[in-house]
Amino acid sequence: MARGARGQATVELAALLPLVALLGLLAWQAVLAGQAIWLSGAAARAAARADALGGDAQAAARRVLPGSLARGTRVIGDGDGPGDVTVRVAIPAVVGGIELAAIRTRARFAPQEG
């Protein structure tokens, strides 16, 4: 092995570690965004069902979501009567905890007769 080549692999690895870490964070952020999109539908259905039955739509939506997504959740009645709601779920950043974007999902559930 040439004398100047000693430690070359270590230097290359050290130079690539920040890139690998960044790619890992971006992949995790994509997973978190996908989870928010998937669970926003379940939260909207739960909120619409609770609203149609006269329950607390906000609490129903938050029970479906994990804590990190439940914090930024808002339920808005659409005014078309009970059981018609829009749920807004914030997508938090993996690092820093700020809100990157929000998902709005609408759901309807026919009012139930008692």
N, C-alpha and C. Protein backbone atom coordinates (compact mmCIF):
# COMPACT_ATOMS: atom_id res chain seq x y z
N MET A 1 0.85 -1.17 0.00
CA MET A 1 0.00 0.00 0.00
C MET A 1 0.90 1.24 0.00
N ALA A 2 0.57 2.17 -0.83
CA ALA A 2 1.36 3.39 -0.90
C ALA A 2 1.20 4.19 0.39
N ARG A 3 2.24 4.87 0.73
CA ARG A 3 2.24 5.61 1.99
C ARG A 3 1.16 6.69 2.02
N GLY A 4 0.89 7.36 0.92
CA GLY A 4 -0.10 8.43 0.86
C GLY A 4 -1.53 7.93 0.90
N ALA A 5 -1.76 6.62 0.68
CA ALA A 5 -3.11 6.07 0.65
C ALA A 5 -3.60 5.63 2.02
N ARG A 6 -2.74 5.66 3.02
CA ARG A 6 -3.16 5.25 4.36
C ARG A 6 -4.25 6.20 4.88
N GLY A 7 -5.29 5.61 5.41
CA GLY A 7 -6.37 6.42 5.99
C GLY A 7 -7.34 6.99 4.97
N GLN A 8 -7.15 6.68 3.70
CA GLN A 8 -8.03 7.22 2.66
C GLN A 8 -9.47 6.77 2.86
N ALA A 9 -9.68 5.50 3.20
CA ALA A 9 -11.04 4.99 3.41
C ALA A 9 -11.70 5.67 4.60
N THR A 10 -10.94 5.94 5.64
CA THR A 10 -11.48 6.63 6.81
C THR A 10 -11.90 8.04 6.47
N VAL A 11 -11.12 8.73 5.71
CA VAL A 11 -11.43 10.10 5.31
C VAL A 11 -12.68 10.10 4.43
N GLU A 12 -12.77 9.15 3.50
CA GLU A 12 -13.95 9.09 2.63
C GLU A 12 -15.21 8.78 3.43
N LEU A 13 -15.10 7.88 4.40
CA LEU A 13 -16.25 7.56 5.24
C LEU A 13 -16.67 8.77 6.06
N ALA A 14 -15.73 9.45 6.65
CA ALA A 14 -16.04 10.64 7.44
C ALA A 14 -16.69 11.73 6.58
N ALA A 15 -16.29 11.83 5.34
CA ALA A 15 -16.87 12.83 4.45
C ALA A 15 -18.29 12.45 4.03
N LEU A 16 -18.59 11.16 3.96
CA LEU A 16 -19.92 10.72 3.54
C LEU A 16 -20.93 10.62 4.68
N LEU A 17 -20.49 10.57 5.92
CA LEU A 17 -21.41 10.41 7.04
C LEU A 17 -22.48 11.50 7.12
N PRO A 18 -22.16 12.79 6.92
CA PRO A 18 -23.24 13.80 6.94
C PRO A 18 -24.27 13.58 5.83
N LEU A 19 -23.83 13.13 4.67
CA LEU A 19 -24.76 12.85 3.58
C LEU A 19 -25.67 11.68 3.92
N VAL A 20 -25.12 10.64 4.52
CA VAL A 20 -25.91 9.48 4.93
C VAL A 20 -26.92 9.89 5.99
N ALA A 21 -26.51 10.73 6.94
CA ALA A 21 -27.42 11.20 7.98
C ALA A 21 -28.55 12.05 7.38
N LEU A 22 -28.23 12.90 6.44
CA LEU A 22 -29.24 13.73 5.79
C LEU A 22 -30.24 12.88 5.02
N LEU A 23 -29.76 11.89 4.30
CA LEU A 23 -30.65 10.99 3.58
C LEU A 23 -31.56 10.22 4.53
N GLY A 24 -31.02 9.82 5.67
CA GLY A 24 -31.83 9.14 6.68
C GLY A 24 -32.93 10.03 7.23
N LEU A 25 -32.60 11.28 7.51
CA LEU A 25 -33.61 12.24 8.00
C LEU A 25 -34.68 12.50 6.95
N LEU A 26 -34.29 12.64 5.70
CA LEU A 26 -35.27 12.86 4.63
C LEU A 26 -36.20 11.65 4.47
N ALA A 27 -35.64 10.46 4.58
CA ALA A 27 -36.46 9.26 4.48
C ALA A 27 -37.45 9.18 5.65
N TRP A 28 -36.99 9.51 6.86
CA TRP A 28 -37.87 9.49 8.03
C TRP A 28 -38.96 10.55 7.90
N GLN A 29 -38.64 11.71 7.35
CA GLN A 29 -39.63 12.76 7.13
C GLN A 29 -40.70 12.29 6.14
N ALA A 30 -40.28 11.59 5.12
CA ALA A 30 -41.24 11.05 4.15
C ALA A 30 -42.17 10.02 4.81
N VAL A 31 -41.63 9.21 5.69
CA VAL A 31 -42.45 8.23 6.41
C VAL A 31 -43.45 8.95 7.30
N LEU A 32 -43.02 9.98 8.00
CA LEU A 32 -43.90 10.75 8.87
C LEU A 32 -45.01 11.44 8.07
N ALA A 33 -44.68 11.99 6.91
CA ALA A 33 -45.70 12.62 6.06
C ALA A 33 -46.69 11.59 5.56
N GLY A 34 -46.22 10.42 5.17
CA GLY A 34 -47.11 9.36 4.72
C GLY A 34 -48.04 8.89 5.82
N GLN A 35 -47.51 8.79 7.03
CA GLN A 35 -48.34 8.40 8.17
C GLN A 35 -49.42 9.45 8.43
N ALA A 36 -49.07 10.73 8.33
CA ALA A 36 -50.05 11.80 8.54
C ALA A 36 -51.15 11.75 7.49
N ILE A 37 -50.78 11.51 6.25
CA ILE A 37 -51.77 11.42 5.18
C ILE A 37 -52.70 10.23 5.41
N TRP A 38 -52.12 9.09 5.76
CA TRP A 38 -52.90 7.88 5.98
C TRP A 38 -53.85 8.05 7.16
N LEU A 39 -53.34 8.54 8.28
CA LEU A 39 -54.15 8.63 9.49
C LEU A 39 -55.13 9.80 9.48
N SER A 40 -54.93 10.78 8.61
CA SER A 40 -55.88 11.89 8.56
C SER A 40 -57.26 11.41 8.11
N GLY A 41 -57.29 10.42 7.24
CA GLY A 41 -58.58 9.85 6.82
C GLY A 41 -59.29 9.15 7.96
N ALA A 42 -58.53 8.40 8.75
CA ALA A 42 -59.12 7.71 9.90
C ALA A 42 -59.61 8.72 10.93
N ALA A 43 -58.86 9.78 11.14
CA ALA A 43 -59.26 10.81 12.10
C ALA A 43 -60.51 11.53 11.62
N ALA A 44 -60.60 11.80 10.33
CA ALA A 44 -61.78 12.48 9.79
C ALA A 44 -63.02 11.59 9.92
N ARG A 45 -62.88 10.31 9.65
CA ARG A 45 -64.03 9.40 9.80
C ARG A 45 -64.47 9.31 11.25
N ALA A 46 -63.52 9.24 12.18
CA ALA A 46 -63.86 9.17 13.60
C ALA A 46 -64.53 10.45 14.07
N ALA A 47 -64.04 11.60 13.60
CA ALA A 47 -64.63 12.88 13.97
C ALA A 47 -66.04 13.02 13.40
N ALA A 48 -66.25 12.60 12.16
CA ALA A 48 -67.58 12.68 11.54
C ALA A 48 -68.56 11.77 12.27
N ARG A 49 -68.11 10.59 12.62
CA ARG A 49 -68.97 9.65 13.34
C ARG A 49 -69.36 10.22 14.71
N ALA A 50 -68.38 10.77 15.44
CA ALA A 50 -68.66 11.36 16.75
C ALA A 50 -69.60 12.57 16.61
N ASP A 51 -69.37 13.39 15.59
CA ASP A 51 -70.21 14.56 15.38
C ASP A 51 -71.65 14.15 15.05
N ALA A 52 -71.82 13.12 14.25
CA ALA A 52 -73.16 12.65 13.89
C ALA A 52 -73.90 12.07 15.09
N LEU A 53 -73.15 11.52 16.03
CA LEU A 53 -73.77 10.93 17.21
C LEU A 53 -73.87 11.91 18.37
N GLY A 54 -73.44 13.15 18.14
CA GLY A 54 -73.54 14.18 19.17
C GLY A 54 -72.37 14.19 20.14
N GLY A 55 -71.28 13.54 19.80
CA GLY A 55 -70.10 13.48 20.67
C GLY A 55 -69.10 14.58 20.34
N ASP A 56 -67.95 14.50 20.96
CA ASP A 56 -66.87 15.47 20.77
C ASP A 56 -66.01 15.05 19.58
N ALA A 57 -66.18 15.74 18.47
CA ALA A 57 -65.46 15.38 17.24
C ALA A 57 -63.96 15.61 17.38
N GLN A 58 -63.57 16.68 18.07
CA GLN A 58 -62.15 16.99 18.25
C GLN A 58 -61.46 15.87 19.03
N ALA A 59 -62.07 15.43 20.12
CA ALA A 59 -61.49 14.37 20.94
C ALA A 59 -61.44 13.05 20.17
N ALA A 60 -62.47 12.77 19.39
CA ALA A 60 -62.50 11.53 18.61
C ALA A 60 -61.37 11.50 17.59
N ALA A 61 -61.13 12.63 16.92
CA ALA A 61 -60.06 12.70 15.92
C ALA A 61 -58.70 12.52 16.59
N ARG A 62 -58.50 13.14 17.74
CA ARG A 62 -57.20 13.06 18.43
C ARG A 62 -56.92 11.67 18.98
N ARG A 63 -57.96 10.93 19.34
CA ARG A 63 -57.75 9.57 19.87
C ARG A 63 -57.17 8.64 18.81
N VAL A 64 -57.47 8.91 17.55
CA VAL A 64 -56.99 8.06 16.45
C VAL A 64 -55.52 8.31 16.14
N LEU A 65 -55.05 9.52 16.42
CA LEU A 65 -53.70 9.93 16.01
C LEU A 65 -52.67 9.74 17.12
N PRO A 66 -51.41 9.46 16.74
CA PRO A 66 -50.35 9.44 17.74
C PRO A 66 -50.09 10.87 18.25
N GLY A 67 -49.44 10.98 19.39
CA GLY A 67 -49.24 12.27 20.04
C GLY A 67 -48.63 13.35 19.17
N SER A 68 -47.64 13.02 18.36
CA SER A 68 -46.97 14.03 17.54
C SER A 68 -47.90 14.62 16.49
N LEU A 69 -48.85 13.84 16.00
CA LEU A 69 -49.80 14.34 15.01
C LEU A 69 -51.04 14.94 15.67
N ALA A 70 -51.41 14.45 16.84
CA ALA A 70 -52.62 14.93 17.52
C ALA A 70 -52.47 16.38 17.96
N ARG A 71 -51.26 16.81 18.27
CA ARG A 71 -51.05 18.18 18.76
C ARG A 71 -51.48 19.24 17.76
N GLY A 72 -51.27 19.02 16.49
CA GLY A 72 -51.60 20.02 15.49
C GLY A 72 -52.92 19.77 14.78
N THR A 73 -53.82 19.02 15.40
CA THR A 73 -55.07 18.64 14.74
C THR A 73 -56.20 19.61 15.08
N ARG A 74 -56.95 19.97 14.07
CA ARG A 74 -58.14 20.83 14.23
C ARG A 74 -59.29 20.18 13.49
N VAL A 75 -60.47 20.22 14.10
CA VAL A 75 -61.69 19.70 13.46
C VAL A 75 -62.59 20.89 13.19
N ILE A 76 -63.05 20.98 11.95
CA ILE A 76 -63.90 22.09 11.53
C ILE A 76 -65.21 21.51 11.02
N GLY A 77 -66.32 21.94 11.60
CA GLY A 77 -67.63 21.54 11.09
C GLY A 77 -67.87 22.26 9.78
N ASP A 78 -68.32 21.54 8.77
CA ASP A 78 -68.51 22.14 7.44
C ASP A 78 -69.82 22.89 7.29
N GLY A 79 -70.68 22.84 8.27
CA GLY A 79 -71.93 23.58 8.19
C GLY A 79 -73.01 22.89 7.40
N ASP A 80 -72.74 21.72 6.85
CA ASP A 80 -73.75 20.98 6.10
C ASP A 80 -74.56 20.07 7.02
N GLY A 81 -74.48 20.33 8.31
CA GLY A 81 -75.21 19.53 9.27
C GLY A 81 -74.27 18.64 10.06
N PRO A 82 -74.83 17.94 11.06
CA PRO A 82 -74.00 17.06 11.87
C PRO A 82 -73.42 15.92 11.04
N GLY A 83 -72.22 15.54 11.35
CA GLY A 83 -71.59 14.42 10.65
C GLY A 83 -70.81 14.83 9.42
N ASP A 84 -70.66 16.13 9.19
CA ASP A 84 -69.90 16.61 8.03
C ASP A 84 -68.77 17.49 8.56
N VAL A 85 -67.55 16.97 8.55
CA VAL A 85 -66.42 17.68 9.14
C VAL A 85 -65.20 17.65 8.23
N THR A 86 -64.30 18.59 8.47
CA THR A 86 -62.98 18.59 7.86
C THR A 86 -61.96 18.54 8.98
N VAL A 87 -60.99 17.66 8.85
CA VAL A 87 -59.93 17.52 9.85
C VAL A 87 -58.64 18.02 9.23
N ARG A 88 -57.95 18.89 9.97
CA ARG A 88 -56.65 19.41 9.54
C ARG A 88 -55.59 18.79 10.44
N VAL A 89 -54.66 18.04 9.84
CA VAL A 89 -53.58 17.39 10.57
C VAL A 89 -52.27 18.02 10.13
N ALA A 90 -51.52 18.56 11.08
CA ALA A 90 -50.23 19.19 10.78
C ALA A 90 -49.16 18.11 10.65
N ILE A 91 -48.26 18.30 9.69
CA ILE A 91 -47.11 17.41 9.53
C ILE A 91 -45.91 18.08 10.19
N PRO A 92 -45.46 17.53 11.32
CA PRO A 92 -44.31 18.15 12.01
C PRO A 92 -42.99 17.76 11.35
N ALA A 93 -42.01 18.64 11.51
CA ALA A 93 -40.67 18.32 11.02
C ALA A 93 -40.02 17.31 11.95
N VAL A 94 -39.21 16.43 11.39
CA VAL A 94 -38.50 15.44 12.19
C VAL A 94 -37.54 16.15 13.15
N VAL A 95 -36.88 17.19 12.67
CA VAL A 95 -35.94 17.96 13.48
C VAL A 95 -36.52 19.35 13.69
N GLY A 96 -36.61 19.75 14.92
CA GLY A 96 -37.09 21.10 15.21
C GLY A 96 -38.54 21.17 15.62
N GLY A 97 -39.34 20.21 15.22
CA GLY A 97 -40.74 20.16 15.63
C GLY A 97 -41.64 21.23 15.04
N ILE A 98 -41.19 21.97 14.03
CA ILE A 98 -42.05 22.97 13.42
C ILE A 98 -43.03 22.30 12.45
N GLU A 99 -44.07 23.01 12.11
CA GLU A 99 -45.07 22.47 11.17
C GLU A 99 -44.59 22.72 9.74
N LEU A 100 -44.43 21.64 8.98
CA LEU A 100 -43.98 21.76 7.58
C LEU A 100 -45.15 22.00 6.64
N ALA A 101 -46.22 21.29 6.87
CA ALA A 101 -47.39 21.37 6.00
C ALA A 101 -48.58 20.85 6.79
N ALA A 102 -49.74 20.89 6.17
CA ALA A 102 -50.94 20.36 6.81
C ALA A 102 -51.77 19.61 5.77
N ILE A 103 -52.46 18.59 6.25
CA ILE A 103 -53.34 17.78 5.41
C ILE A 103 -54.77 18.09 5.84
N ARG A 104 -55.63 18.34 4.88
CA ARG A 104 -57.06 18.53 5.17
C ARG A 104 -57.83 17.37 4.55
N THR A 105 -58.63 16.72 5.39
CA THR A 105 -59.43 15.58 4.94
C THR A 105 -60.86 15.79 5.38
N ARG A 106 -61.78 15.59 4.46
CA ARG A 106 -63.20 15.78 4.74
C ARG A 106 -63.88 14.42 4.83
N ALA A 107 -64.81 14.31 5.77
CA ALA A 107 -65.57 13.07 5.92
C ALA A 107 -67.02 13.40 6.26
N ARG A 108 -67.90 12.52 5.84
CA ARG A 108 -69.32 12.65 6.14
C ARG A 108 -69.81 11.36 6.77
N PHE A 109 -70.71 11.52 7.72
CA PHE A 109 -71.33 10.37 8.37
C PHE A 109 -72.77 10.77 8.60
N ALA A 110 -73.70 10.00 8.08
CA ALA A 110 -75.11 10.34 8.20
C ALA A 110 -75.52 10.38 9.68
N PRO A 111 -76.25 11.41 10.08
CA PRO A 111 -76.72 11.48 11.47
C PRO A 111 -77.54 10.23 11.81
N GLN A 112 -77.33 9.73 13.00
CA GLN A 112 -77.98 8.52 13.45
C GLN A 112 -79.17 8.86 14.33
N GLU A 113 -80.22 8.15 14.13
CA GLU A 113 -81.40 8.34 14.96
C GLU A 113 -81.24 7.52 16.23
N GLY A 114 -81.61 8.14 17.34
CA GLY A 114 -81.42 7.52 18.64
C GLY A 114 -82.38 6.44 18.89
